């Protein structure tokens, strides 16, 4: 019984670690995309990168 409780606790903790890591990844990706969009929209229309 104790080993199954330990397994459930470990699985729960791992799930939350994965969710937080994924949320951090998504947040960083969206911030980079937003920054890139802002940089691209500030360039003059005829100017290429």
Protein backbone atom coordinates (compact mmCIF):
# COMPACT_ATOMS: atom_id res chain seq x y z
CA UNK A 1 0.00 0.00 0.00
CA UNK A 2 2.76 2.45 0.88
CA UNK A 3 4.57 1.85 -2.40
CA UNK A 4 1.46 2.69 -4.42
CA UNK A 5 0.98 5.93 -2.47
CA UNK A 6 4.61 6.83 -3.15
CA UNK A 7 4.08 6.10 -6.83
CA UNK A 8 0.99 8.32 -6.95
CA UNK A 9 2.82 11.15 -5.18
CA UNK A 10 5.81 10.85 -7.54
CA UNK A 11 3.54 10.77 -10.61
CA UNK A 12 1.60 13.81 -9.36
CA UNK A 13 4.80 15.76 -8.72
CA UNK A 14 6.24 14.80 -12.09
CA UNK A 15 3.04 15.86 -13.82
CA UNK A 16 3.21 19.31 -12.24
CA UNK A 17 6.90 19.66 -13.09
CA UNK A 18 6.13 18.84 -16.72
CA UNK A 19 3.19 21.27 -16.84
CA UNK A 20 5.25 24.11 -15.39
CA UNK A 21 8.14 23.38 -17.76
CA UNK A 22 5.79 23.36 -20.75
CA UNK A 23 4.11 26.59 -19.65
CA UNK A 24 7.54 28.21 -19.33
CA UNK A 25 8.49 26.99 -22.81
CA UNK A 26 5.27 28.33 -24.34
CA UNK A 27 5.63 31.67 -22.54
CA UNK A 28 9.21 32.12 -23.80
CA UNK A 29 8.25 31.13 -27.35
CA UNK A 30 5.34 33.57 -27.42
CA UNK A 31 7.52 36.35 -26.01
CA UNK A 32 10.18 35.74 -28.67
CA UNK A 33 7.54 35.70 -31.41
CA UNK A 34 5.99 38.90 -30.08
CA UNK A 35 9.42 40.60 -29.93
CA UNK A 36 10.25 39.45 -33.46
CA UNK A 37 6.91 40.73 -34.74
CA UNK A 38 7.52 44.11 -33.11
CA UNK A 39 11.01 44.34 -34.64
CA UNK A 40 9.70 43.37 -38.08
CA UNK A 41 6.86 45.87 -37.94
CA UNK A 42 9.23 48.72 -37.06
CA UNK A 43 11.36 48.29 -40.20
CA UNK A 44 10.57 50.53 -43.16
CA UNK A 45 8.30 48.83 -45.74
CA UNK A 46 10.86 48.61 -48.56
CA UNK A 47 13.73 47.42 -46.43
CA UNK A 48 14.48 43.69 -46.38
CA UNK A 49 16.17 41.87 -43.55
